[in-house]
Amino acid sequence: MKIGIVGSGIVGRLMAWHLCQRNHEIYIFTKGSTQSEDACSSVAAGMISPFAELPLLPLMWHKIGLTALKWWPKILATLPRHVHCRNQGTLVICPPRQKDLLQHYIAQIKHKLPDLSIPILSESELQKIEPALCGMIGCYLLDAQISPTELFEAMNDYFSSQQVTWYPFQQVHTITATKIISDKGYYEFDKTFDCRGMGAKNDIPTLRGVRGEIIFCHAPQVDLLHAIRLLHPRFPCYIVPQENKKFAIGASQIESESNATITMQSAVELMSQALQVHPGFHDSNMIQMQAACRPTMPNHLPFSQLQAGVIMLNGMFRHGFMLAPALTFQLIEKWIDNDD
């Protein structure tokens, strides 16, 4: 089957990957280059956090997110190059004086999973798990992280081996069940997928952007084995270790659709919180500061439908790497496999 996919962020790429596994003929349209630098999922820490995000998610979506912990090893095993992926879990931490924040956070999770044991770790207990942390209490949650940059590069190599055709730098303005029309041409397909994220705003009136900002740095003096989530009443943040002493520090969550560069206020807040976690960040070197708008529905949950024959998936908010593996599979199984 000849299939056109509009959008090359994490959703469009996983649609393409699942369809390649079924030996379909795939064409990917993107408004930028094949590196997908315009996609909000390229400005991300690649967190797969079904437990850490549970306070924000209905239980059903938590269960879908759990499947990502099984999906990603399968996906990575098919790619022709190494992709950095950590599954050591996440430590949710705070200073002892803010223990009530940690208790409330755990209570939110246990309200949905009452049988889940989440003991609060004392300063000494936490240091046994993460020796680099001082003066913090916390809890451990089963999560994973993946490098979006390395993933996209490896997926490009995989798509090349599968003879996937790219249409980069295309401004798509019309998608029907069998046609994709851009500023550069008119293309016909057996099936089409709309995975444009914020690019679909004109077709999904309730879609909005939530701005997220993130800092990437090189910190030779910081040794962290786990992803860290620092609880704070105003400025919570996460720190995700990557390879070669690189770290992702994020992320702000601002009700704005601005695509401007990171603000001074956000940069200062993120760096200040990172220093609270580990003083070694004082001597870190900034690699990059980025900002992007994450497509979001009013309820902050994903949106999918078959609209006039076009298969749509959108509104991943901050959960693309966690929810997209299963949701793309489900849509393909429903609308493609059952049509063959």
Protein backbone atom coordinates (compact mmCIF):
# COMPACT_ATOMS: atom_id res chain seq x y z
CA MET A 1 0.00 0.00 0.00
CA LYS A 2 1.25 3.48 -0.90
CA ILE A 3 0.99 5.68 2.20
CA GLY A 4 1.69 9.38 2.71
CA ILE A 5 2.59 10.77 6.15
CA VAL A 6 2.58 14.51 6.82
CA GLY A 7 4.80 15.37 9.77
CA SER A 8 8.17 13.94 10.81
CA GLY A 9 8.20 14.39 14.58
CA ILE A 10 8.04 11.43 16.91
CA VAL A 11 4.45 10.59 15.88
CA GLY A 12 5.08 10.68 12.13
CA ARG A 13 8.31 8.73 12.49
CA LEU A 14 6.73 5.99 14.58
CA MET A 15 3.85 5.74 12.10
CA ALA A 16 6.45 5.26 9.37
CA TRP A 17 8.37 2.69 11.44
CA HIS A 18 5.28 0.57 12.15
CA LEU A 19 4.25 0.74 8.48
CA CYS A 20 7.75 -0.25 7.34
CA GLN A 21 7.44 -3.32 9.56
CA ARG A 22 4.42 -4.21 7.42
CA ASN A 23 6.27 -3.60 4.12
CA HIS A 24 4.19 -0.66 2.94
CA GLU A 25 5.48 2.00 0.55
CA ILE A 26 6.06 5.09 2.70
CA TYR A 27 6.38 8.78 1.82
CA ILE A 28 7.12 11.37 4.53
CA PHE A 29 6.39 15.09 4.12
CA THR A 30 8.09 17.60 6.39
CA LYS A 31 8.23 21.40 6.36
CA GLY A 32 11.91 21.33 7.35
CA SER A 33 14.78 19.01 6.55
CA THR A 34 14.88 15.25 7.10
CA GLN A 35 16.49 15.97 10.49
CA SER A 36 13.07 17.26 11.68
CA GLU A 37 14.61 20.22 13.45
CA ASP A 38 11.22 21.96 13.23
CA ALA A 39 9.47 19.23 15.25
CA CYS A 40 8.83 19.90 18.93
CA SER A 41 9.96 16.33 19.73
CA SER A 42 13.46 17.27 18.63
CA VAL A 43 13.44 19.83 21.48
CA ALA A 44 12.90 17.25 24.22
CA ALA A 45 14.66 15.09 26.77
CA GLY A 46 13.02 11.90 25.44
CA MET A 47 11.48 10.92 28.77
CA ILE A 48 9.39 7.75 28.98
CA SER A 49 7.72 8.30 32.33
CA PRO A 50 4.48 6.37 32.91
CA PHE A 51 4.93 6.60 36.69
CA ALA A 52 6.47 10.06 37.08
CA GLU A 53 3.77 11.56 34.86
CA LEU A 54 0.91 9.68 36.53
CA PRO A 55 -0.23 12.72 38.59
CA LEU A 56 -1.05 14.37 35.23
CA LEU A 57 -2.52 11.34 33.45
CA PRO A 58 -5.70 9.26 33.73
CA LEU A 59 -4.95 5.66 34.63
CA MET A 60 -5.80 4.44 31.12
CA TRP A 61 -3.01 6.55 29.62
CA HIS A 62 -0.59 5.38 32.29
CA LYS A 63 -1.24 1.81 31.17
CA ILE A 64 -0.63 2.77 27.54
CA GLY A 65 2.55 4.55 28.61
CA LEU A 66 3.77 1.40 30.37
CA THR A 67 3.81 -0.42 27.04
CA ALA A 68 6.43 2.07 25.81
CA LEU A 69 8.94 0.47 28.17
CA LYS A 70 8.49 -2.69 26.09
CA TRP A 71 8.07 -1.03 22.70
CA TRP A 72 11.28 0.98 22.68
CA PRO A 73 13.71 -1.97 22.99
CA LYS A 74 11.92 -3.59 20.03
CA ILE A 75 12.14 -0.41 17.97
CA LEU A 76 15.79 0.26 18.81
CA ALA A 77 16.74 -3.32 17.96
CA THR A 78 15.74 -2.69 14.32
CA LEU A 79 17.81 0.48 13.90
CA PRO A 80 21.23 0.31 12.24
CA ARG A 81 23.07 2.48 14.76
CA HIS A 82 23.30 2.89 18.52
CA VAL A 83 20.78 5.12 20.29
CA HIS A 84 21.47 6.17 23.87
CA CYS A 85 18.68 4.81 26.08
CA ARG A 86 18.69 4.66 29.87
CA ASN A 87 16.33 2.57 31.97
CA GLN A 88 17.77 3.19 35.43
CA GLY A 89 14.58 4.96 36.46
CA THR A 90 13.84 8.41 37.87
CA LEU A 91 14.49 9.90 41.29
CA VAL A 92 11.89 12.44 42.38
CA ILE A 93 13.57 14.64 44.98
CA CYS A 94 13.19 17.73 47.15
CA PRO A 95 14.91 19.26 50.21
CA PRO A 96 13.73 17.74 53.53
CA ARG A 97 12.02 21.02 54.46
CA GLN A 98 9.67 20.53 51.48
CA LYS A 99 8.72 16.97 52.38
CA ASP A 100 5.04 17.88 52.05
CA LEU A 101 5.56 18.34 48.28
CA LEU A 102 6.94 14.82 48.00
CA GLN A 103 4.15 13.38 50.14
CA HIS A 104 1.53 15.08 47.98
CA TYR A 105 3.21 13.88 44.78
CA ILE A 106 3.26 10.27 46.03
CA ALA A 107 -0.34 10.55 47.23
CA GLN A 108 -1.42 11.58 43.71
CA ILE A 109 0.16 8.43 42.30
CA LYS A 110 -1.19 6.13 45.00
CA HIS A 111 -4.69 7.54 44.52
CA LYS A 112 -4.60 5.90 41.06
CA LEU A 113 -2.39 2.92 41.98
CA PRO A 114 -3.20 2.20 45.65
CA ASP A 115 -1.23 -1.06 45.71
CA LEU A 116 1.98 0.54 44.42
CA SER A 117 4.66 0.83 47.10
CA ILE A 118 6.58 4.14 46.94
CA PRO A 119 8.67 4.54 50.09
CA ILE A 120 10.15 7.93 50.87
CA LEU A 121 13.94 7.67 50.83
CA SER A 122 15.89 9.51 53.52
CA GLU A 123 19.00 11.53 52.67
CA SER A 124 21.27 8.56 53.43
CA GLU A 125 19.06 6.08 51.57
CA LEU A 126 18.92 8.36 48.53
CA GLN A 127 22.71 8.72 48.52
CA LYS A 128 23.13 4.96 48.37
CA ILE A 129 21.17 4.99 45.11
CA GLU A 130 22.56 8.28 43.75
CA PRO A 131 25.84 9.16 45.53
CA ALA A 132 26.08 12.57 43.86
CA LEU A 133 22.97 13.88 45.65
CA CYS A 134 23.31 15.70 48.96
CA GLY A 135 20.74 17.20 51.26
CA MET A 136 17.74 15.70 49.46
CA ILE A 137 15.00 13.18 50.15
CA GLY A 138 13.00 11.48 47.44
CA CYS A 139 11.48 8.38 45.90
CA TYR A 140 12.36 6.04 43.04
CA LEU A 141 10.10 5.43 40.03
CA LEU A 142 10.52 3.05 37.11
CA ASP A 143 11.08 5.20 34.01
CA ALA A 144 13.39 5.44 31.01
CA GLN A 145 14.92 8.08 28.74
CA ILE A 146 15.99 8.09 25.11
CA SER A 147 18.09 10.56 23.10
CA PRO A 148 15.81 12.24 20.50
CA THR A 149 18.74 13.44 18.37
CA GLU A 150 20.36 10.02 18.16
CA LEU A 151 16.97 8.38 17.63
CA PHE A 152 16.06 10.62 14.70
CA GLU A 153 19.46 10.05 13.07
CA ALA A 154 19.19 6.28 13.48
CA MET A 155 15.61 6.28 12.17
CA ASN A 156 16.75 8.19 9.08
CA ASP A 157 19.28 5.44 8.37
CA TYR A 158 16.58 2.82 8.90
CA PHE A 159 14.14 4.63 6.60
CA SER A 160 16.84 4.82 3.94
CA SER A 161 17.33 1.06 4.14
CA GLN A 162 13.57 0.60 3.77
CA GLN A 163 13.40 2.87 0.68
CA VAL A 164 11.21 5.42 2.44
CA THR A 165 10.82 8.54 0.28
CA TRP A 166 11.22 11.97 1.89
CA TYR A 167 9.61 15.20 0.71
CA PRO A 168 11.48 17.83 2.76
CA PHE A 169 10.80 21.59 2.82
CA GLN A 170 7.19 21.07 1.77
CA GLN A 171 4.43 23.37 2.99
CA VAL A 172 1.45 21.00 2.92
CA HIS A 173 -1.87 22.86 2.72
CA THR A 174 -4.34 20.09 1.80
CA ILE A 175 -4.65 16.50 2.99
CA THR A 176 -7.47 14.24 1.79
CA ALA A 177 -7.97 10.49 2.05
CA THR A 178 -5.93 9.92 -1.11
CA LYS A 179 -4.13 13.21 -1.84
CA ILE A 180 -1.48 15.45 -0.32
CA ILE A 181 -1.04 18.88 -1.88
CA SER A 182 1.86 21.15 -1.01
CA ASP A 183 3.46 24.30 -2.36
CA LYS A 184 5.68 22.03 -4.49
CA GLY A 185 3.30 19.46 -5.89
CA TYR A 186 0.27 17.17 -5.92
CA TYR A 187 0.68 13.58 -4.73
CA GLU A 188 -1.69 10.60 -4.70
CA PHE A 189 -1.77 7.76 -2.16
CA ASP A 190 -3.84 4.80 -1.02
CA LYS A 191 -3.92 6.15 2.57
CA THR A 192 -2.79 9.35 4.29
CA PHE A 193 -1.80 10.23 7.85
CA ASP A 194 -1.88 13.69 9.41
CA CYS A 195 0.83 13.91 12.10
CA ARG A 196 1.57 17.63 11.80
CA GLY A 197 1.33 18.65 15.44
CA MET A 198 0.85 22.43 15.58
CA GLY A 199 0.77 22.45 11.79
CA ALA A 200 -2.79 21.06 12.00
CA LYS A 201 -4.09 23.95 14.11
CA ASN A 202 -6.35 25.25 11.32
CA ASP A 203 -8.01 21.83 11.05
CA ILE A 204 -8.30 21.14 14.81
CA PRO A 205 -9.78 24.31 16.36
CA THR A 206 -9.20 23.18 19.96
CA LEU A 207 -5.51 22.44 19.42
CA ARG A 208 -3.17 24.86 21.16
CA GLY A 209 0.53 25.18 21.83
CA VAL A 210 2.18 24.95 25.24
CA ARG A 211 5.67 26.36 25.12
CA GLY A 212 8.50 24.30 26.56
CA GLU A 213 12.10 25.42 27.03
CA ILE A 214 15.14 23.25 27.66
CA ILE A 215 18.89 23.63 28.21
CA PHE A 216 21.55 21.18 27.05
CA CYS A 217 24.91 21.41 28.77
CA HIS A 218 28.21 19.60 29.25
CA ALA A 219 29.02 19.13 32.95
CA PRO A 220 32.23 17.13 33.52
CA GLN A 221 31.96 17.47 37.30
CA VAL A 222 28.46 16.04 37.57
CA ASP A 223 27.92 12.31 38.04
CA LEU A 224 24.25 11.36 37.94
CA LEU A 225 23.12 7.79 37.31
CA HIS A 226 19.39 8.49 37.18
CA ALA A 227 17.06 11.05 35.68
CA ILE A 228 16.15 13.59 38.37
CA ARG A 229 12.87 15.41 38.95
CA LEU A 230 13.17 18.23 41.42
CA LEU A 231 9.88 19.15 43.07
CA HIS A 232 9.36 22.84 43.72
CA PRO A 233 6.20 24.89 44.43
CA ARG A 234 6.94 27.29 41.56
CA PHE A 235 9.81 26.03 39.40
CA PRO A 236 9.98 22.23 39.20
CA CYS A 237 12.55 20.86 36.77
CA TYR A 238 14.07 17.66 35.50
CA ILE A 239 17.67 16.75 34.73
CA VAL A 240 18.32 13.90 32.31
CA PRO A 241 21.86 12.46 31.97
CA GLN A 242 22.96 11.78 28.43
CA GLU A 243 26.18 10.32 27.08
CA ASN A 244 29.61 11.89 27.61
CA LYS A 245 28.64 14.04 30.61
CA LYS A 246 25.90 15.85 28.72
CA PHE A 247 22.64 16.76 30.45
CA ALA A 248 19.20 17.99 29.44
CA ILE A 249 17.67 20.43 31.93
CA GLY A 250 14.02 21.28 31.50
CA ALA A 251 11.40 22.13 31.08
CA SER A 252 9.29 25.18 31.42
CA GLN A 253 5.57 24.90 30.71
CA ILE A 254 4.14 28.20 29.50
CA GLU A 255 0.70 28.87 28.03
CA SER A 256 2.08 30.53 24.92
CA GLU A 257 2.43 29.65 21.25
CA SER A 258 5.53 31.79 20.80
CA ASN A 259 8.39 30.15 18.92
CA ALA A 260 10.90 32.71 20.14
CA THR A 261 14.15 31.60 21.72
CA ILE A 262 14.31 30.71 25.42
CA THR A 263 13.60 33.63 27.75
CA MET A 264 16.12 34.97 30.23
CA GLN A 265 13.74 34.19 33.10
CA SER A 266 13.35 30.54 32.11
CA ALA A 267 17.08 30.09 31.58
CA VAL A 268 17.88 31.55 35.00
CA GLU A 269 15.21 29.45 36.74
CA LEU A 270 16.33 26.20 35.10
CA MET A 271 19.99 26.82 35.82
CA SER A 272 19.24 27.82 39.41
CA GLN A 273 17.31 24.60 40.01
CA ALA A 274 20.08 22.52 38.44
CA LEU A 275 22.58 24.09 40.82
CA GLN A 276 20.35 23.15 43.73
CA VAL A 277 20.55 19.52 42.62
CA HIS A 278 24.32 19.47 42.06
CA PRO A 279 26.93 22.24 42.52
CA GLY A 280 28.97 20.77 39.67
CA PHE A 281 26.65 22.54 37.23
CA HIS A 282 28.43 25.79 38.20
CA ASP A 283 31.23 24.83 35.81
CA SER A 284 29.09 23.35 33.07
CA ASN A 285 29.28 24.62 29.50
CA MET A 286 26.11 25.49 27.63
CA ILE A 287 25.67 23.48 24.43
CA GLN A 288 22.27 24.69 23.38
CA MET A 289 19.14 26.42 24.67
CA GLN A 290 15.94 25.60 22.83
CA ALA A 291 12.22 26.30 22.91
CA ALA A 292 9.26 24.77 21.09
CA CYS A 293 5.48 24.64 21.24
CA ARG A 294 4.02 21.27 22.16
CA PRO A 295 0.63 20.48 20.56
CA THR A 296 -1.97 20.15 23.28
CA MET A 297 -5.71 19.55 23.54
CA PRO A 298 -7.82 21.19 26.29
CA ASN A 299 -7.59 18.06 28.46
CA HIS A 300 -3.83 17.60 27.77
CA LEU A 301 -4.55 14.15 26.29
CA PRO A 302 -3.87 12.82 22.77
CA PHE A 303 -6.45 13.16 20.02
CA SER A 304 -7.03 10.71 17.17
CA GLN A 305 -9.72 10.27 14.58
CA LEU A 306 -10.49 9.29 11.02
CA GLN A 307 -11.62 12.55 9.43
CA ALA A 308 -12.80 12.44 5.81
CA GLY A 309 -10.58 9.43 5.28
CA VAL A 310 -7.47 11.06 6.78
CA ILE A 311 -5.99 9.26 9.81
CA MET A 312 -5.06 11.89 12.42
CA LEU A 313 -3.04 11.68 15.64
CA ASN A 314 -2.15 14.82 17.56
CA GLY A 315 -2.07 16.54 20.95
CA MET A 316 0.79 14.56 22.49
CA PHE A 317 1.69 17.50 24.77
CA ARG A 318 4.79 16.36 26.75
CA HIS A 319 4.11 12.64 26.39
CA GLY A 320 5.11 11.85 22.81
CA PHE A 321 7.95 9.41 23.51
CA MET A 322 5.80 7.65 26.11
CA LEU A 323 2.45 7.35 24.32
CA ALA A 324 3.25 7.42 20.60
CA PRO A 325 4.69 3.87 20.24
CA ALA A 326 1.42 2.24 21.29
CA LEU A 327 -1.00 4.82 19.85
CA THR A 328 0.56 4.71 16.38
CA PHE A 329 0.44 0.91 16.48
CA GLN A 330 -3.23 0.95 17.50
CA LEU A 331 -4.24 3.34 14.71
CA ILE A 332 -2.39 1.35 12.06
CA GLU A 333 -3.90 -1.88 13.32
CA LYS A 334 -7.39 -0.35 13.20
CA TRP A 335 -7.31 1.61 9.96
CA ILE A 336 -4.63 -0.13 7.85
CA ASP A 337 -4.33 -3.77 8.89
CA ASN A 338 -8.10 -4.27 8.96
CA ASP A 339 -8.34 -2.68 5.50
CA ASP A 340 -5.87 -5.02 3.81
